[in-house]
Amino acid sequence: MKRFVLAILAVAVVACSPPQNTSGAEALVRDIYATVEEHIGRTTTPLEAIPMTDDLASLVSRAQAAAAARNEPFIEGDIAANCQDCTSLDGLEVGPQVSPEPVPAAEGHVLVEARFTLNGNEPRAVLYDLVETPQGWRVDNILTEGFNLRTEAQSYLDDAAEPAEEIPAP
């Protein structure tokens, strides 16, 4: 009986707890797209314009260094706009995730989705995994259809760490 009462109390506490205020997270994503709109059609959005967690920033920085050492780009295109050589972005909507395949948010994380149209006729959605830090909301991952920034960076580092293929002796 005590367990039942405790379970009921736990459910009541969770139900009565105010939801995490995500307006700051959504504002951060809107700020990112203000920068995207400044650059679209001319250059890609600088990665420095995306406030990342220290962990993600370090991972991306190391992947960029590995790419530079191989004289190749780490990411070709604009990860915030999910495009390459795009010229316009219209109809920006920022809010909770509504994409067809929901991604569960890790504990302490909030998912914010940016939906928009590129080049007048290409619908896009970019999902931001955000964490509230002492410095404010920070991006901990960026996901789009077929792309996961963390996975891409780690994969790039793993590939860079593999030894070159041995060349058979003549």
C-alpha atoms as a PDB file:
ATOM      1  CA  MET A   1       0.000   0.000   0.000  1.00  0.00           C
ATOM      2  CA  LYS A   2       2.864   2.382   0.828  1.00  0.00           C
ATOM      3  CA  ARG A   3       4.339   1.798  -2.629  1.00  0.00           C
ATOM      4  CA  PHE A   4       1.003   2.569  -4.235  1.00  0.00           C
ATOM      5  CA  VAL A   5       0.687   5.840  -2.312  1.00  0.00           C
ATOM      6  CA  LEU A   6       4.290   6.764  -3.175  1.00  0.00           C
ATOM      7  CA  ALA A   7       3.671   5.974  -6.839  1.00  0.00           C
ATOM      8  CA  ILE A   8       0.556   8.173  -6.860  1.00  0.00           C
ATOM      9  CA  LEU A   9       2.492  10.989  -5.179  1.00  0.00           C
ATOM     10  CA  ALA A  10       5.337  10.684  -7.693  1.00  0.00           C
ATOM     11  CA  VAL A  11       2.894  10.887 -10.612  1.00  0.00           C
ATOM     12  CA  ALA A  12       1.214  13.916  -9.023  1.00  0.00           C
ATOM     13  CA  VAL A  13       4.545  15.686  -8.528  1.00  0.00           C
ATOM     14  CA  VAL A  14       5.577  15.060 -12.146  1.00  0.00           C
ATOM     15  CA  ALA A  15       2.165  16.133 -13.442  1.00  0.00           C
ATOM     16  CA  CYS A  16       2.228  19.308 -11.354  1.00  0.00           C
ATOM     17  CA  SER A  17       5.827  20.211 -12.187  1.00  0.00           C
ATOM     18  CA  PRO A  18       5.965  23.057 -14.662  1.00  0.00           C
ATOM     19  CA  PRO A  19       7.342  22.066 -18.062  1.00  0.00           C
ATOM     20  CA  GLN A  20      10.824  23.254 -18.924  1.00  0.00           C
ATOM     21  CA  ASN A  21      10.684  26.729 -20.441  1.00  0.00           C
ATOM     22  CA  THR A  22      11.914  26.279 -23.994  1.00  0.00           C
ATOM     23  CA  SER A  23      11.334  29.830 -25.215  1.00  0.00           C
ATOM     24  CA  GLY A  24      15.057  30.549 -24.804  1.00  0.00           C
ATOM     25  CA  ALA A  25      15.913  27.440 -26.824  1.00  0.00           C
ATOM     26  CA  GLU A  26      13.567  28.501 -29.613  1.00  0.00           C
ATOM     27  CA  ALA A  27      15.000  32.034 -29.529  1.00  0.00           C
ATOM     28  CA  LEU A  28      18.506  30.605 -29.960  1.00  0.00           C
ATOM     29  CA  VAL A  29      17.397  28.684 -33.058  1.00  0.00           C
ATOM     30  CA  ARG A  30      15.740  31.829 -34.460  1.00  0.00           C
ATOM     31  CA  ASP A  31      19.027  33.698 -33.886  1.00  0.00           C
ATOM     32  CA  ILE A  32      20.876  31.004 -35.841  1.00  0.00           C
ATOM     33  CA  TYR A  33      18.491  31.510 -38.767  1.00  0.00           C
ATOM     34  CA  ALA A  34      18.944  35.286 -38.646  1.00  0.00           C
ATOM     35  CA  THR A  35      22.611  34.528 -39.379  1.00  0.00           C
ATOM     36  CA  VAL A  36      21.656  31.981 -42.058  1.00  0.00           C
ATOM     37  CA  GLU A  37      19.588  34.650 -43.806  1.00  0.00           C
ATOM     38  CA  GLU A  38      22.547  37.067 -43.721  1.00  0.00           C
ATOM     39  CA  HIS A  39      24.742  34.514 -45.522  1.00  0.00           C
ATOM     40  CA  ILE A  40      22.381  32.575 -47.770  1.00  0.00           C
ATOM     41  CA  GLY A  41      23.151  32.857 -51.441  1.00  0.00           C
ATOM     42  CA  ARG A  42      26.665  34.145 -50.718  1.00  0.00           C
ATOM     43  CA  THR A  43      28.428  31.852 -48.221  1.00  0.00           C
ATOM     44  CA  THR A  44      27.579  29.082 -45.795  1.00  0.00           C
ATOM     45  CA  THR A  45      26.602  29.910 -42.263  1.00  0.00           C
ATOM     46  CA  PRO A  46      29.809  29.988 -40.200  1.00  0.00           C
ATOM     47  CA  LEU A  47      29.919  27.170 -37.661  1.00  0.00           C
ATOM     48  CA  GLU A  48      31.044  29.776 -35.121  1.00  0.00           C
ATOM     49  CA  ALA A  49      27.587  31.359 -35.469  1.00  0.00           C
ATOM     50  CA  ILE A  50      26.035  28.212 -33.982  1.00  0.00           C
ATOM     51  CA  PRO A  51      26.482  28.304 -30.194  1.00  0.00           C
ATOM     52  CA  MET A  52      27.523  24.717 -29.419  1.00  0.00           C
ATOM     53  CA  THR A  53      28.140  22.883 -26.181  1.00  0.00           C
ATOM     54  CA  ASP A  54      31.830  22.600 -25.346  1.00  0.00           C
ATOM     55  CA  ASP A  55      31.694  18.869 -26.130  1.00  0.00           C
ATOM     56  CA  LEU A  56      30.143  19.318 -29.592  1.00  0.00           C
ATOM     57  CA  ALA A  57      32.399  22.286 -30.413  1.00  0.00           C
ATOM     58  CA  SER A  58      35.469  20.209 -29.536  1.00  0.00           C
ATOM     59  CA  LEU A  59      34.264  17.253 -31.617  1.00  0.00           C
ATOM     60  CA  VAL A  60      33.548  19.460 -34.637  1.00  0.00           C
ATOM     61  CA  SER A  61      36.849  21.331 -34.244  1.00  0.00           C
ATOM     62  CA  ARG A  62      38.805  18.072 -34.197  1.00  0.00           C
ATOM     63  CA  ALA A  63      36.923  16.808 -37.264  1.00  0.00           C
ATOM     64  CA  GLN A  64      37.658  20.100 -39.071  1.00  0.00           C
ATOM     65  CA  ALA A  65      41.363  19.783 -38.191  1.00  0.00           C
ATOM     66  CA  ALA A  66      41.420  16.209 -39.510  1.00  0.00           C
ATOM     67  CA  ALA A  67      39.780  17.410 -42.729  1.00  0.00           C
ATOM     68  CA  ALA A  68      42.259  20.256 -43.107  1.00  0.00           C
ATOM     69  CA  ALA A  69      45.147  17.824 -42.658  1.00  0.00           C
ATOM     70  CA  ARG A  70      43.727  15.817 -45.557  1.00  0.00           C
ATOM     71  CA  ASN A  71      43.121  18.961 -47.654  1.00  0.00           C
ATOM     72  CA  GLU A  72      39.389  18.352 -47.833  1.00  0.00           C
ATOM     73  CA  PRO A  73      36.296  19.963 -46.321  1.00  0.00           C
ATOM     74  CA  PHE A  74      34.724  18.431 -43.229  1.00  0.00           C
ATOM     75  CA  ILE A  75      31.217  19.442 -44.305  1.00  0.00           C
ATOM     76  CA  GLU A  76      30.299  20.702 -47.732  1.00  0.00           C
ATOM     77  CA  GLY A  77      27.283  22.948 -47.515  1.00  0.00           C
ATOM     78  CA  ASP A  78      25.369  24.790 -44.866  1.00  0.00           C
ATOM     79  CA  ILE A  79      24.421  22.574 -41.921  1.00  0.00           C
ATOM     80  CA  ALA A  80      21.934  25.099 -40.506  1.00  0.00           C
ATOM     81  CA  ALA A  81      20.122  25.468 -43.827  1.00  0.00           C
ATOM     82  CA  ASN A  82      20.598  21.799 -44.785  1.00  0.00           C
ATOM     83  CA  CYS A  83      21.687  22.719 -48.282  1.00  0.00           C
ATOM     84  CA  GLN A  84      24.517  23.295 -50.671  1.00  0.00           C
ATOM     85  CA  ASP A  85      24.455  26.304 -53.002  1.00  0.00           C
ATOM     86  CA  CYS A  86      21.058  27.469 -51.745  1.00  0.00           C
ATOM     87  CA  THR A  87      19.846  30.936 -52.663  1.00  0.00           C
ATOM     88  CA  SER A  88      16.835  31.686 -50.459  1.00  0.00           C
ATOM     89  CA  LEU A  89      15.091  30.601 -47.292  1.00  0.00           C
ATOM     90  CA  ASP A  90      11.416  31.407 -46.663  1.00  0.00           C
ATOM     91  CA  GLY A  91       8.616  30.531 -44.247  1.00  0.00           C
ATOM     92  CA  LEU A  92      10.769  29.839 -41.192  1.00  0.00           C
ATOM     93  CA  GLU A  93       8.859  28.182 -38.357  1.00  0.00           C
ATOM     94  CA  VAL A  94      10.598  27.261 -35.105  1.00  0.00           C
ATOM     95  CA  GLY A  95       8.997  25.117 -32.442  1.00  0.00           C
ATOM     96  CA  PRO A  96       8.615  21.630 -31.023  1.00  0.00           C
ATOM     97  CA  GLN A  97       9.553  18.666 -33.198  1.00  0.00           C
ATOM     98  CA  VAL A  98       6.858  17.713 -35.700  1.00  0.00           C
ATOM     99  CA  SER A  99       8.933  15.767 -38.218  1.00  0.00           C
ATOM    100  CA  PRO A 100       7.573  12.371 -39.302  1.00  0.00           C
ATOM    101  CA  GLU A 101      10.022  10.293 -37.252  1.00  0.00           C
ATOM    102  CA  PRO A 102      10.199  11.722 -33.732  1.00  0.00           C
ATOM    103  CA  VAL A 103      13.537  11.559 -32.002  1.00  0.00           C
ATOM    104  CA  PRO A 104      13.349  11.177 -28.229  1.00  0.00           C
ATOM    105  CA  ALA A 105      15.102  13.913 -26.273  1.00  0.00           C
ATOM    106  CA  ALA A 106      17.739  12.760 -23.809  1.00  0.00           C
ATOM    107  CA  GLU A 107      17.214  13.747 -20.193  1.00  0.00           C
ATOM    108  CA  GLY A 108      17.991  17.441 -19.754  1.00  0.00           C
ATOM    109  CA  HIS A 109      17.837  18.068 -23.515  1.00  0.00           C
ATOM    110  CA  VAL A 110      15.200  19.872 -25.556  1.00  0.00           C
ATOM    111  CA  LEU A 111      14.531  19.277 -29.241  1.00  0.00           C
ATOM    112  CA  VAL A 112      13.607  22.295 -31.346  1.00  0.00           C
ATOM    113  CA  GLU A 113      12.742  21.960 -35.005  1.00  0.00           C
ATOM    114  CA  ALA A 114      13.243  24.615 -37.671  1.00  0.00           C
ATOM    115  CA  ARG A 115      11.027  24.184 -40.743  1.00  0.00           C
ATOM    116  CA  PHE A 116      11.404  26.291 -43.858  1.00  0.00           C
ATOM    117  CA  THR A 117      11.446  26.308 -47.646  1.00  0.00           C
ATOM    118  CA  LEU A 118      14.650  26.628 -49.650  1.00  0.00           C
ATOM    119  CA  ASN A 119      14.922  28.172 -53.091  1.00  0.00           C
ATOM    120  CA  GLY A 120      11.158  28.709 -53.208  1.00  0.00           C
ATOM    121  CA  ASN A 121      10.132  25.061 -53.420  1.00  0.00           C
ATOM    122  CA  GLU A 122      12.275  22.724 -51.284  1.00  0.00           C
ATOM    123  CA  PRO A 123      10.788  22.012 -47.845  1.00  0.00           C
ATOM    124  CA  ARG A 124      13.370  21.339 -45.131  1.00  0.00           C
ATOM    125  CA  ALA A 125      13.400  20.521 -41.437  1.00  0.00           C
ATOM    126  CA  VAL A 126      16.411  20.729 -39.144  1.00  0.00           C
ATOM    127  CA  LEU A 127      16.243  19.369 -35.617  1.00  0.00           C
ATOM    128  CA  TYR A 128      18.360  20.983 -32.903  1.00  0.00           C
ATOM    129  CA  ASP A 129      19.233  19.041 -29.756  1.00  0.00           C
ATOM    130  CA  LEU A 130      19.734  21.758 -27.136  1.00  0.00           C
ATOM    131  CA  VAL A 131      21.004  21.849 -23.569  1.00  0.00           C
ATOM    132  CA  GLU A 132      20.671  24.684 -21.094  1.00  0.00           C
ATOM    133  CA  THR A 133      24.093  25.607 -19.729  1.00  0.00           C
ATOM    134  CA  PRO A 134      25.313  28.373 -17.406  1.00  0.00           C
ATOM    135  CA  GLN A 135      26.089  30.328 -20.602  1.00  0.00           C
ATOM    136  CA  GLY A 136      22.517  29.836 -21.894  1.00  0.00           C
ATOM    137  CA  TRP A 137      21.076  27.362 -24.395  1.00  0.00           C
ATOM    138  CA  ARG A 138      23.648  25.548 -26.525  1.00  0.00           C
ATOM    139  CA  VAL A 139      23.365  23.196 -29.493  1.00  0.00           C
ATOM    140  CA  ASP A 140      24.460  19.665 -28.593  1.00  0.00           C
ATOM    141  CA  ASN A 141      23.634  18.128 -31.975  1.00  0.00           C
ATOM    142  CA  ILE A 142      22.062  18.954 -35.320  1.00  0.00           C
ATOM    143  CA  LEU A 143      19.967  16.360 -37.125  1.00  0.00           C
ATOM    144  CA  THR A 144      18.377  16.372 -40.551  1.00  0.00           C
ATOM    145  CA  GLU A 145      17.150  13.628 -42.793  1.00  0.00           C
ATOM    146  CA  GLY A 146      20.168  11.370 -43.241  1.00  0.00           C
ATOM    147  CA  PHE A 147      22.543  13.604 -41.240  1.00  0.00           C
ATOM    148  CA  ASN A 148      23.629  13.656 -37.598  1.00  0.00           C
ATOM    149  CA  LEU A 149      26.407  16.160 -36.840  1.00  0.00           C
ATOM    150  CA  ARG A 150      27.823  14.186 -33.902  1.00  0.00           C
ATOM    151  CA  THR A 151      27.855  10.919 -35.833  1.00  0.00           C
ATOM    152  CA  GLU A 152      29.353  12.591 -38.900  1.00  0.00           C
ATOM    153  CA  ALA A 153      32.144  14.249 -36.908  1.00  0.00           C
ATOM    154  CA  GLN A 154      32.954  11.086 -34.967  1.00  0.00           C
ATOM    155  CA  SER A 155      32.923   9.003 -38.128  1.00  0.00           C
ATOM    156  CA  TYR A 156      35.260  11.461 -39.801  1.00  0.00           C
ATOM    157  CA  LEU A 157      37.650  11.259 -36.854  1.00  0.00           C
ATOM    158  CA  ASP A 158      37.461   7.462 -36.824  1.00  0.00           C
ATOM    159  CA  ASP A 159      38.257   7.361 -40.558  1.00  0.00           C
ATOM    160  CA  ALA A 160      41.159   9.781 -40.078  1.00  0.00           C
ATOM    161  CA  ALA A 161      42.565   7.620 -37.275  1.00  0.00           C
ATOM    162  CA  GLU A 162      42.618   4.456 -39.368  1.00  0.00           C
ATOM    163  CA  PRO A 163      46.028   3.601 -40.785  1.00  0.00           C
ATOM    164  CA  ALA A 164      46.465   4.003 -44.497  1.00  0.00           C
ATOM    165  CA  GLU A 165      46.038   0.876 -46.563  1.00  0.00           C
ATOM    166  CA  GLU A 166      49.202  -1.055 -46.901  1.00  0.00           C
ATOM    167  CA  ILE A 167      50.710  -1.040 -50.346  1.00  0.00           C
ATOM    168  CA  PRO A 168      51.844  -4.535 -51.301  1.00  0.00           C
ATOM    169  CA  ALA A 169      55.567  -4.925 -51.861  1.00  0.00           C
ATOM    170  CA  PRO A 170      56.537  -5.366 -55.524  1.00  0.00           C
END
